[in-house]
Amino acid sequence: MKFSAVFIKVPEGYIGFVEELPGANTQGETLEEAKANLQEAIIMTLEANRVLAEESIAEMQEEVIRESVVVQI
């Protein structure tokens, strides 16, 4: 996967977010810290989205098909 990270300089350091992944955002005193924190935020956001999806699927009465998909941009 490849995402677009955006970092903005603010008085306290840097804020960062991922354009394609709402909820993946962070901050850091330095750009390096913000980048490292954003890596963690991406992982945590993807994991949280997976858990939410699994909970929704568990409640469904319909047949569910799960498969991997690769997207190349």
N, C-alpha and C. Protein backbone atom coordinates (compact mmCIF):
# COMPACT_ATOMS: atom_id res chain seq x y z
N MET A 1 0.84 -1.17 0.00
CA MET A 1 0.00 0.00 0.00
C MET A 1 0.88 1.24 0.00
N LYS A 2 0.38 2.24 -0.63
CA LYS A 2 1.10 3.51 -0.67
C LYS A 2 0.09 4.61 -0.38
N PHE A 3 0.41 5.47 0.59
CA PHE A 3 -0.48 6.55 0.99
C PHE A 3 0.20 7.90 0.79
N SER A 4 -0.62 8.94 0.77
CA SER A 4 -0.10 10.31 0.69
C SER A 4 -0.12 10.92 2.08
N ALA A 5 1.06 11.13 2.65
CA ALA A 5 1.17 11.74 3.97
C ALA A 5 1.35 13.25 3.80
N VAL A 6 0.66 14.00 4.65
CA VAL A 6 0.75 15.46 4.63
C VAL A 6 1.23 15.91 6.00
N PHE A 7 2.25 16.75 6.03
CA PHE A 7 2.79 17.28 7.28
C PHE A 7 2.73 18.80 7.23
N ILE A 8 2.26 19.38 8.33
CA ILE A 8 2.10 20.84 8.41
C ILE A 8 2.87 21.33 9.63
N LYS A 9 3.73 22.33 9.41
CA LYS A 9 4.50 22.93 10.49
C LYS A 9 3.59 23.83 11.30
N VAL A 10 3.56 23.62 12.62
CA VAL A 10 2.80 24.45 13.55
C VAL A 10 3.75 24.88 14.67
N PRO A 11 3.37 25.86 15.47
CA PRO A 11 4.28 26.32 16.54
C PRO A 11 4.77 25.20 17.47
N GLU A 12 3.92 24.19 17.71
CA GLU A 12 4.29 23.11 18.62
C GLU A 12 5.14 22.03 17.96
N GLY A 13 5.30 22.07 16.65
CA GLY A 13 6.05 21.04 15.92
C GLY A 13 5.40 20.77 14.57
N TYR A 14 4.91 19.55 14.38
CA TYR A 14 4.29 19.16 13.11
C TYR A 14 3.03 18.35 13.38
N ILE A 15 2.03 18.54 12.55
CA ILE A 15 0.88 17.66 12.52
C ILE A 15 0.95 16.91 11.20
N GLY A 16 0.41 15.70 11.19
CA GLY A 16 0.45 14.91 9.97
C GLY A 16 -0.82 14.10 9.83
N PHE A 17 -1.19 13.84 8.58
CA PHE A 17 -2.35 13.00 8.32
C PHE A 17 -2.19 12.33 6.97
N VAL A 18 -3.03 11.34 6.73
CA VAL A 18 -3.02 10.61 5.47
C VAL A 18 -4.26 11.00 4.70
N GLU A 19 -4.07 11.50 3.48
CA GLU A 19 -5.20 11.97 2.67
C GLU A 19 -6.23 10.87 2.41
N GLU A 20 -5.78 9.66 2.15
CA GLU A 20 -6.67 8.59 1.75
C GLU A 20 -7.27 7.79 2.91
N LEU A 21 -6.88 8.11 4.12
CA LEU A 21 -7.29 7.29 5.26
C LEU A 21 -7.78 8.17 6.42
N PRO A 22 -9.05 8.55 6.38
CA PRO A 22 -9.59 9.38 7.46
C PRO A 22 -9.35 8.72 8.81
N GLY A 23 -8.94 9.51 9.77
CA GLY A 23 -8.66 9.00 11.11
C GLY A 23 -7.20 8.75 11.36
N ALA A 24 -6.41 8.65 10.31
CA ALA A 24 -4.96 8.45 10.48
C ALA A 24 -4.30 9.82 10.54
N ASN A 25 -4.15 10.32 11.74
CA ASN A 25 -3.52 11.63 11.93
C ASN A 25 -2.74 11.62 13.23
N THR A 26 -1.78 12.53 13.34
CA THR A 26 -0.91 12.54 14.50
C THR A 26 -0.19 13.88 14.62
N GLN A 27 0.74 13.93 15.54
CA GLN A 27 1.58 15.11 15.71
C GLN A 27 2.93 14.69 16.27
N GLY A 28 3.87 15.61 16.24
CA GLY A 28 5.19 15.35 16.81
C GLY A 28 5.95 16.65 16.96
N GLU A 29 6.89 16.67 17.88
CA GLU A 29 7.70 17.87 18.08
C GLU A 29 8.64 18.11 16.91
N THR A 30 9.07 17.02 16.27
CA THR A 30 9.94 17.12 15.09
C THR A 30 9.26 16.42 13.92
N LEU A 31 9.72 16.70 12.71
CA LEU A 31 9.16 16.04 11.53
C LEU A 31 9.40 14.52 11.61
N GLU A 32 10.57 14.12 12.07
CA GLU A 32 10.88 12.70 12.19
C GLU A 32 9.92 12.02 13.17
N GLU A 33 9.65 12.67 14.29
CA GLU A 33 8.72 12.11 15.27
C GLU A 33 7.32 12.03 14.69
N ALA A 34 6.89 13.06 13.99
CA ALA A 34 5.56 13.05 13.37
C ALA A 34 5.45 11.92 12.34
N LYS A 35 6.50 11.69 11.56
CA LYS A 35 6.49 10.61 10.57
C LYS A 35 6.38 9.25 11.25
N ALA A 36 7.15 9.05 12.30
CA ALA A 36 7.09 7.77 13.03
C ALA A 36 5.72 7.57 13.65
N ASN A 37 5.18 8.63 14.24
CA ASN A 37 3.86 8.55 14.85
C ASN A 37 2.78 8.27 13.81
N LEU A 38 2.96 8.81 12.60
CA LEU A 38 1.97 8.59 11.55
C LEU A 38 1.98 7.13 11.09
N GLN A 39 3.15 6.52 11.08
CA GLN A 39 3.23 5.08 10.75
C GLN A 39 2.35 4.29 11.72
N GLU A 40 2.48 4.59 13.00
CA GLU A 40 1.68 3.91 14.02
C GLU A 40 0.20 4.22 13.86
N ALA A 41 -0.12 5.47 13.55
CA ALA A 41 -1.52 5.86 13.37
C ALA A 41 -2.16 5.12 12.19
N ILE A 42 -1.41 4.92 11.12
CA ILE A 42 -1.92 4.18 9.96
C ILE A 42 -2.25 2.75 10.37
N ILE A 43 -1.32 2.10 11.05
CA ILE A 43 -1.54 0.72 11.48
C ILE A 43 -2.74 0.63 12.40
N MET A 44 -2.83 1.52 13.37
CA MET A 44 -3.94 1.51 14.32
C MET A 44 -5.28 1.77 13.63
N THR A 45 -5.31 2.68 12.66
CA THR A 45 -6.54 2.99 11.95
C THR A 45 -6.99 1.80 11.11
N LEU A 46 -6.06 1.15 10.41
CA LEU A 46 -6.42 -0.03 9.61
C LEU A 46 -6.92 -1.16 10.50
N GLU A 47 -6.26 -1.37 11.64
CA GLU A 47 -6.71 -2.41 12.56
C GLU A 47 -8.09 -2.10 13.12
N ALA A 48 -8.34 -0.86 13.50
CA ALA A 48 -9.65 -0.47 14.03
C ALA A 48 -10.74 -0.64 12.98
N ASN A 49 -10.45 -0.26 11.74
CA ASN A 49 -11.42 -0.42 10.66
C ASN A 49 -11.74 -1.89 10.43
N ARG A 50 -10.72 -2.75 10.52
CA ARG A 50 -10.94 -4.19 10.34
C ARG A 50 -11.85 -4.73 11.45
N VAL A 51 -11.60 -4.34 12.69
CA VAL A 51 -12.43 -4.80 13.80
C VAL A 51 -13.87 -4.34 13.62
N LEU A 52 -14.07 -3.09 13.25
CA LEU A 52 -15.43 -2.58 13.03
C LEU A 52 -16.13 -3.34 11.92
N ALA A 53 -15.41 -3.63 10.84
CA ALA A 53 -16.00 -4.38 9.73
C ALA A 53 -16.35 -5.80 10.17
N GLU A 54 -15.47 -6.44 10.92
CA GLU A 54 -15.74 -7.80 11.39
C GLU A 54 -16.96 -7.84 12.30
N GLU A 55 -17.12 -6.83 13.14
CA GLU A 55 -18.29 -6.76 14.01
C GLU A 55 -19.56 -6.60 13.21
N SER A 56 -19.52 -5.76 12.18
CA SER A 56 -20.69 -5.56 11.31
C SER A 56 -21.03 -6.83 10.56
N ILE A 57 -20.01 -7.52 10.05
CA ILE A 57 -20.23 -8.75 9.29
C ILE A 57 -20.83 -9.83 10.19
N ALA A 58 -20.39 -9.91 11.43
CA ALA A 58 -20.88 -10.93 12.36
C ALA A 58 -22.37 -10.78 12.61
N GLU A 59 -22.89 -9.58 12.48
CA GLU A 59 -24.31 -9.32 12.72
C GLU A 59 -25.19 -9.62 11.50
N MET A 60 -24.59 -9.84 10.35
CA MET A 60 -25.34 -10.02 9.11
C MET A 60 -25.89 -11.44 9.01
N GLN A 61 -27.06 -11.54 8.42
CA GLN A 61 -27.68 -12.84 8.16
C GLN A 61 -27.37 -13.32 6.75
N GLU A 62 -26.91 -12.41 5.89
CA GLU A 62 -26.66 -12.74 4.50
C GLU A 62 -25.33 -13.48 4.34
N GLU A 63 -25.17 -14.12 3.17
CA GLU A 63 -23.91 -14.76 2.84
C GLU A 63 -22.85 -13.68 2.65
N VAL A 64 -21.69 -13.89 3.21
CA VAL A 64 -20.60 -12.92 3.13
C VAL A 64 -19.42 -13.59 2.43
N ILE A 65 -18.87 -12.90 1.44
CA ILE A 65 -17.69 -13.39 0.73
C ILE A 65 -16.54 -12.45 1.06
N ARG A 66 -15.44 -13.02 1.54
CA ARG A 66 -14.27 -12.21 1.89
C ARG A 66 -13.11 -12.67 1.01
N GLU A 67 -12.45 -11.70 0.37
CA GLU A 67 -11.28 -12.02 -0.44
C GLU A 67 -10.32 -10.84 -0.44
N SER A 68 -9.07 -11.11 -0.76
CA SER A 68 -8.05 -10.05 -0.85
C SER A 68 -8.20 -9.30 -2.16
N VAL A 69 -7.84 -8.05 -2.13
CA VAL A 69 -7.84 -7.24 -3.34
C VAL A 69 -6.57 -6.37 -3.34
N VAL A 70 -5.93 -6.27 -4.47
CA VAL A 70 -4.74 -5.45 -4.61
C VAL A 70 -5.09 -4.31 -5.54
N VAL A 71 -4.78 -3.10 -5.11
CA VAL A 71 -5.07 -1.92 -5.92
C VAL A 71 -3.75 -1.26 -6.28
N GLN A 72 -3.55 -1.05 -7.55
CA GLN A 72 -2.34 -0.36 -7.99
C GLN A 72 -2.74 0.96 -8.63
N ILE A 73 -2.11 2.01 -8.18
CA ILE A 73 -2.43 3.35 -8.71
C ILE A 73 -1.31 3.81 -9.59
